[in-house]
Amino acid sequence: MLITRKSILTLSLLLSTNIMAAINLNPELAKEVSSLKSNLQEKESSLQQISNKLKGLESELGHHNDRYVQVIRLKNNIQNDIFEMRVGIQQEQSRVEAELENAQKVLRAAILGRLDASHSPSMLLSEKIIFEELNLRVKELNRTRRDYLRLQKKIESLEKRYAEYESVETELGSLLSDLERQREGHSSEYVKLTSQKERFQAEYDTLKTKIFLSSQDDVKRARQIVQGLSFSLPLNDFVGMQHEDRGVTFKYRGEQKIRNSAPGTVAYTGQLASYGEVVMVDHGGDTRSVYLGHFKPRVKQGTILKEGDLI
């Protein structure tokens, strides 16, 4: 018969137990394979955990680094504002001092004028103008003084915020350093585990090659035993053979003809949900072979078959 599926397919053939005895896997090799596979799975699991931790650390580092940069920017802005305000205050102080000096000169002149005054109408008018000017200057100086005090309070508030940002900057810097150390530690552990995994993988691949070569010898011995009992293999070409206590499973690719292994009569054809098609051939002497797989039988119950006939 023809198989139309192109992927690797399977055909199971149930044989007698004395045939199966020739193709049992070395128990020590099986134990070593199991141990290496377990180690590989453990390393892969550990690598995945560390990879997840590294991703989390990268995300946390990015978030805190953004905050760190933002805090430094805000701190620098405040520092610039404080500097500009202090320059402004210094300028105001210079102006106020100059105004005070002028006011004091005018005041002294007015006082001296009063002492020598003849109290003529023109002198009285001059005194009035002088004192009004002095009054305006005093008001202006008081207003400047209030502005100065307001700026001073604002500077104090900014200096407080600046100190807070400095504290946050220090804390974030310490946190970033700690996260960097954690990342370096996990990265080193990741490299170490990767190296161990690669070593186990190399040992595992080497052992698989050893088992494969050993299994080819088993296949040859199985062919000899089957043929010694007047049984032939149902497939001419296959890529693998897996044996269990009850039978053999052949793995193959492409289109294959399934042939009868020994003379006999078809005792049953049908389907099993988990196995696909079933063909049972009775060889007599309480010996039967059962073919299980995804194929289309070309035989019916009661068909008499010779060895090599198409099933």
Protein backbone atom coordinates (compact mmCIF):
# COMPACT_ATOMS: atom_id res chain seq x y z
CA MET A 1 0.00 0.00 0.00
CA LEU A 2 0.98 3.68 -0.42
CA ILE A 3 1.29 6.22 2.39
CA THR A 4 0.56 9.76 1.20
CA ARG A 5 1.71 11.80 4.23
CA LYS A 6 5.15 13.41 3.78
CA SER A 7 6.20 13.93 7.42
CA ILE A 8 7.75 11.23 9.60
CA LEU A 9 5.13 8.47 10.03
CA THR A 10 4.98 5.42 12.24
CA LEU A 11 3.98 1.81 11.80
CA SER A 12 3.71 -0.49 14.79
CA LEU A 13 4.21 -4.23 14.47
CA LEU A 14 3.48 -6.53 17.43
CA LEU A 15 5.89 -9.49 17.55
CA SER A 16 6.79 -12.30 19.92
CA THR A 17 8.89 -11.46 23.02
CA ASN A 18 11.92 -13.52 21.95
CA ILE A 19 12.36 -11.14 18.97
CA MET A 20 12.24 -8.13 21.28
CA ALA A 21 14.99 -9.49 23.51
CA ALA A 22 17.55 -8.72 20.80
CA ILE A 23 16.90 -4.98 20.75
CA ASN A 24 16.74 -3.92 24.43
CA LEU A 25 18.53 -0.65 25.21
CA ASN A 26 21.56 -0.78 27.49
CA PRO A 27 20.16 0.19 30.96
CA GLU A 28 23.37 2.07 31.91
CA LEU A 29 23.14 4.17 28.74
CA ALA A 30 19.44 4.77 29.43
CA LYS A 31 20.26 5.94 32.96
CA GLU A 32 23.02 8.24 31.69
CA VAL A 33 20.70 9.70 29.03
CA SER A 34 18.03 10.32 31.65
CA SER A 35 20.54 12.01 33.98
CA LEU A 36 21.94 14.26 31.23
CA LYS A 37 18.45 15.16 30.05
CA SER A 38 17.45 16.03 33.62
CA ASN A 39 20.57 18.21 34.00
CA LEU A 40 19.85 19.99 30.72
CA GLN A 41 16.25 20.68 31.75
CA GLU A 42 17.44 21.97 35.14
CA LYS A 43 19.98 24.32 33.52
CA GLU A 44 17.41 25.54 30.98
CA SER A 45 14.95 26.24 33.81
CA SER A 46 17.63 28.10 35.81
CA LEU A 47 18.67 30.07 32.72
CA GLN A 48 15.05 31.06 32.10
CA GLN A 49 14.67 32.23 35.72
CA ILE A 50 17.87 34.29 35.54
CA SER A 51 16.82 35.68 32.17
CA ASN A 52 13.51 36.81 33.70
CA LYS A 53 15.39 38.39 36.63
CA LEU A 54 17.72 40.22 34.23
CA LYS A 55 14.74 41.53 32.26
CA GLY A 56 13.17 42.77 35.50
CA LEU A 57 16.42 44.41 36.57
CA GLU A 58 16.82 46.07 33.17
CA SER A 59 13.30 47.47 33.43
CA GLU A 60 13.87 48.66 37.01
CA LEU A 61 17.24 50.18 36.09
CA GLY A 62 15.67 52.03 33.17
CA HIS A 63 12.84 53.39 35.35
CA HIS A 64 15.14 54.56 38.18
CA ASN A 65 17.71 55.92 35.76
CA ASP A 66 14.99 58.08 34.16
CA ARG A 67 14.06 59.34 37.63
CA TYR A 68 17.73 59.98 38.41
CA VAL A 69 18.19 62.05 35.25
CA GLN A 70 14.96 63.96 35.94
CA VAL A 71 16.01 64.74 39.54
CA ILE A 72 19.41 66.03 38.37
CA ARG A 73 17.71 68.21 35.76
CA LEU A 74 15.27 69.67 38.31
CA LYS A 75 18.09 70.22 40.80
CA ASN A 76 20.14 72.08 38.19
CA ASN A 77 17.13 74.22 37.28
CA ILE A 78 16.64 75.16 40.92
CA GLN A 79 20.33 75.94 41.26
CA ASN A 80 20.12 78.28 38.24
CA ASP A 81 17.01 79.98 39.68
CA ILE A 82 18.75 80.52 43.00
CA PHE A 83 21.78 81.99 41.25
CA GLU A 84 19.66 84.38 39.16
CA MET A 85 17.66 85.48 42.21
CA ARG A 86 20.79 86.12 44.22
CA VAL A 87 22.24 88.19 41.38
CA GLY A 88 18.97 90.13 41.26
CA ILE A 89 19.06 90.73 45.01
CA GLN A 90 22.65 91.91 44.83
CA GLN A 91 21.71 94.37 42.08
CA GLU A 92 18.76 95.59 44.12
CA GLN A 93 20.93 95.95 47.17
CA SER A 94 23.40 98.10 45.21
CA ARG A 95 20.58 100.25 43.89
CA VAL A 96 18.98 100.61 47.32
CA GLU A 97 22.31 101.57 48.89
CA ALA A 98 22.79 104.23 46.22
CA GLU A 99 19.25 105.53 46.79
CA LEU A 100 19.80 105.59 50.54
CA GLU A 101 23.02 107.52 50.11
CA ASN A 102 21.27 110.07 47.86
CA ALA A 103 18.37 110.32 50.28
CA GLN A 104 20.72 110.89 53.19
CA LYS A 105 22.52 113.66 51.25
CA VAL A 106 19.22 115.37 50.43
CA LEU A 107 18.07 114.98 54.00
CA ARG A 108 21.27 116.52 55.33
CA ALA A 109 20.96 119.37 52.86
CA ALA A 110 17.35 119.93 53.92
CA ILE A 111 18.27 119.94 57.59
CA LEU A 112 21.11 122.39 57.01
CA GLY A 113 18.77 124.55 54.94
CA ARG A 114 16.27 124.66 57.80
CA LEU A 115 18.93 125.71 60.22
CA ASP A 116 20.01 128.63 57.99
CA ALA A 117 16.61 129.31 56.52
CA SER A 118 15.09 132.78 56.57
CA HIS A 119 11.68 131.14 56.10
CA SER A 120 10.95 133.08 52.96
CA PRO A 121 8.15 131.79 50.72
CA SER A 122 10.67 130.49 48.19
CA MET A 123 12.56 128.55 50.89
CA LEU A 124 9.39 127.04 52.27
CA LEU A 125 8.44 125.85 48.77
CA SER A 126 11.88 124.34 48.26
CA GLU A 127 11.66 122.53 51.58
CA LYS A 128 8.25 121.13 50.70
CA ILE A 129 9.52 119.82 47.36
CA ILE A 130 12.56 118.27 48.99
CA PHE A 131 10.56 116.51 51.70
CA GLU A 132 8.00 115.23 49.19
CA GLU A 133 10.84 113.81 47.12
CA LEU A 134 12.30 112.22 50.22
CA ASN A 135 8.90 110.72 51.07
CA LEU A 136 8.61 109.17 47.56
CA ARG A 137 12.07 107.73 47.85
CA VAL A 138 11.32 106.23 51.24
CA LYS A 139 8.20 104.55 49.86
CA GLU A 140 10.17 103.22 46.94
CA LEU A 141 12.86 101.92 49.27
CA ASN A 142 10.25 100.21 51.46
CA ARG A 143 8.73 98.58 48.39
CA THR A 144 12.16 97.43 47.28
CA ARG A 145 12.81 96.09 50.74
CA ARG A 146 9.56 94.05 50.62
CA ASP A 147 10.54 92.66 47.21
CA TYR A 148 13.94 91.81 48.59
CA LEU A 149 12.40 89.94 51.56
CA ARG A 150 9.99 88.11 49.22
CA LEU A 151 12.87 87.00 46.98
CA GLN A 152 14.83 85.94 50.03
CA LYS A 153 11.97 83.69 51.21
CA LYS A 154 11.67 82.22 47.72
CA ILE A 155 15.38 81.49 47.72
CA GLU A 156 15.06 79.75 51.08
CA SER A 157 12.20 77.62 49.72
CA LEU A 158 14.23 76.75 46.62
CA GLU A 159 17.25 75.87 48.74
CA LYS A 160 15.04 73.50 50.75
CA ARG A 161 13.79 71.83 47.57
CA TYR A 162 17.36 71.68 46.28
CA ALA A 163 18.43 69.85 49.45
CA GLU A 164 15.52 67.40 49.04
CA TYR A 165 16.50 66.67 45.45
CA GLU A 166 20.10 66.17 46.53
CA SER A 167 18.90 63.57 49.05
CA VAL A 168 16.78 61.83 46.39
CA GLU A 169 19.73 61.93 43.98
CA THR A 170 21.94 60.24 46.57
CA GLU A 171 19.34 57.55 47.28
CA LEU A 172 18.76 56.89 43.57
CA GLY A 173 22.51 56.76 42.93
CA SER A 174 22.90 54.17 45.69
CA LEU A 175 19.92 52.18 44.35
CA LEU A 176 21.28 52.24 40.80
CA SER A 177 24.68 51.04 42.02
CA ASP A 178 23.00 48.18 43.91
CA LEU A 179 20.92 47.20 40.87
CA GLU A 180 24.03 47.31 38.68
CA ARG A 181 25.80 44.95 41.09
CA GLN A 182 22.80 42.61 41.01
CA ARG A 183 22.77 42.68 37.21
CA GLU A 184 26.49 41.92 37.04
CA GLY A 185 26.01 39.02 39.47
CA HIS A 186 23.10 37.55 37.51
CA SER A 187 24.95 38.08 34.22
CA SER A 188 27.97 36.18 35.56
CA GLU A 189 25.70 33.39 36.80
CA TYR A 190 23.96 33.32 33.41
CA VAL A 191 27.29 32.95 31.59
CA LYS A 192 28.35 30.21 34.02
CA LEU A 193 25.08 28.27 33.60
CA THR A 194 25.23 28.70 29.82
CA SER A 195 28.70 27.15 29.84
CA GLN A 196 27.47 24.25 31.99
CA LYS A 197 24.46 23.74 29.73
CA GLU A 198 26.68 23.69 26.63
CA ARG A 199 28.90 21.08 28.30
CA PHE A 200 25.91 18.91 29.22
CA GLN A 201 24.50 19.39 25.71
CA ALA A 202 27.79 18.23 24.17
CA GLU A 203 27.84 15.15 26.44
CA TYR A 204 24.18 14.49 25.65
CA ASP A 205 24.77 14.77 21.88
CA THR A 206 27.80 12.49 22.12
CA LEU A 207 25.79 9.92 24.05
CA LYS A 208 22.91 10.11 21.57
CA THR A 209 25.38 9.41 18.77
CA LYS A 210 26.72 6.45 20.73
CA ILE A 211 23.18 5.14 21.29
CA PHE A 212 22.33 5.66 17.63
CA LEU A 213 25.33 3.63 16.50
CA SER A 214 24.48 0.95 19.07
CA SER A 215 20.83 0.91 17.91
CA GLN A 216 21.96 0.24 14.33
CA ASP A 217 23.62 -2.95 15.56
CA ASP A 218 20.37 -3.82 17.39
CA VAL A 219 18.45 -3.30 14.16
CA LYS A 220 20.76 -5.69 12.32
CA ARG A 221 20.39 -8.34 15.03
CA ALA A 222 16.61 -7.88 14.99
CA ARG A 223 16.56 -8.36 11.22
CA GLN A 224 18.52 -11.60 11.59
CA ILE A 225 16.24 -12.94 14.33
CA VAL A 226 13.08 -11.98 12.48
CA GLN A 227 14.36 -13.55 9.30
CA GLY A 228 15.45 -16.64 11.24
CA LEU A 229 11.83 -17.11 12.30
CA SER A 230 10.65 -16.70 8.68
CA PHE A 231 9.58 -13.09 9.38
CA SER A 232 10.65 -10.18 7.21
CA LEU A 233 10.46 -6.47 8.00
CA PRO A 234 7.29 -4.70 6.78
CA LEU A 235 9.27 -1.69 5.49
CA ASN A 236 12.26 -1.59 3.19
CA ASP A 237 13.39 1.86 4.29
CA PHE A 238 12.92 3.53 7.66
CA VAL A 239 14.70 6.23 9.70
CA GLY A 240 14.23 4.78 13.14
CA MET A 241 12.89 1.88 15.13
CA GLN A 242 11.55 2.04 18.69
CA HIS A 243 10.92 -1.21 20.53
CA GLU A 244 8.76 -1.99 23.55
CA ASP A 245 7.76 -5.20 25.27
CA ARG A 246 4.78 -5.75 22.97
CA GLY A 247 6.17 -4.73 19.61
CA VAL A 248 8.20 -2.47 17.33
CA THR A 249 7.41 1.00 15.97
CA PHE A 250 9.07 1.98 12.69
CA LYS A 251 9.59 5.64 11.81
CA TYR A 252 9.78 6.55 8.14
CA ARG A 253 9.36 9.42 5.70
CA GLY A 254 7.46 9.87 2.47
CA GLU A 255 5.57 7.09 0.70
CA GLN A 256 6.18 3.51 1.79
CA LYS A 257 4.67 0.15 0.87
CA ILE A 258 3.68 -1.93 3.87
CA ARG A 259 4.29 -5.64 3.23
CA ASN A 260 3.31 -8.78 5.05
CA SER A 261 6.09 -10.18 7.29
CA ALA A 262 5.25 -13.88 7.03
CA PRO A 263 2.72 -16.20 5.31
CA GLY A 264 -0.71 -16.23 6.91
CA THR A 265 -4.39 -15.30 6.72
CA VAL A 266 -5.90 -11.90 7.47
CA ALA A 267 -7.87 -12.45 10.69
CA TYR A 268 -9.12 -8.89 11.18
CA THR A 269 -9.16 -5.43 9.59
CA GLY A 270 -10.61 -2.33 11.18
CA GLN A 271 -9.85 0.85 13.04
CA LEU A 272 -8.80 1.87 16.54
CA ALA A 273 -9.27 5.49 17.58
CA SER A 274 -5.80 5.89 19.08
CA TYR A 275 -3.89 3.75 16.56
CA GLY A 276 -5.61 4.27 13.22
CA GLU A 277 -5.97 1.26 10.89
CA VAL A 278 -5.47 -2.30 12.15
CA VAL A 279 -4.60 -5.42 10.16
CA MET A 280 -4.12 -8.73 12.04
CA VAL A 281 -2.49 -11.66 10.25
CA ASP A 282 -2.73 -15.19 11.69
CA HIS A 283 0.39 -17.25 10.92
CA GLY A 284 -0.78 -20.40 12.68
CA GLY A 285 0.64 -22.03 15.77
CA ASP A 286 -0.86 -19.30 17.97
CA THR A 287 1.38 -16.73 16.23
CA ARG A 288 -0.06 -13.48 14.92
CA SER A 289 1.32 -10.16 13.71
CA VAL A 290 -0.65 -6.93 14.11
CA TYR A 291 -0.04 -3.89 11.92
CA LEU A 292 -1.13 -0.54 13.41
CA GLY A 293 -0.85 2.88 11.78
CA HIS A 294 -2.31 5.51 9.48
CA PHE A 295 -2.69 3.67 6.21
CA LYS A 296 -5.36 2.34 3.84
CA PRO A 297 -5.52 -1.48 3.93
CA ARG A 298 -5.74 -3.31 0.60
CA VAL A 299 -6.64 -6.64 2.21
CA LYS A 300 -9.83 -8.00 3.72
CA GLN A 301 -10.63 -10.51 6.41
CA GLY A 302 -9.93 -13.99 5.08
CA THR A 303 -7.32 -12.89 2.52
CA ILE A 304 -4.50 -15.42 2.27
CA LEU A 305 -1.09 -13.70 2.16
CA LYS A 306 2.42 -14.79 1.28
CA GLU A 307 5.53 -13.18 2.73
CA GLY A 308 6.12 -9.79 1.08
CA ASP A 309 2.52 -9.38 -0.16
CA LEU A 310 1.18 -5.82 -0.13
CA ILE A 311 -0.98 -5.04 2.88
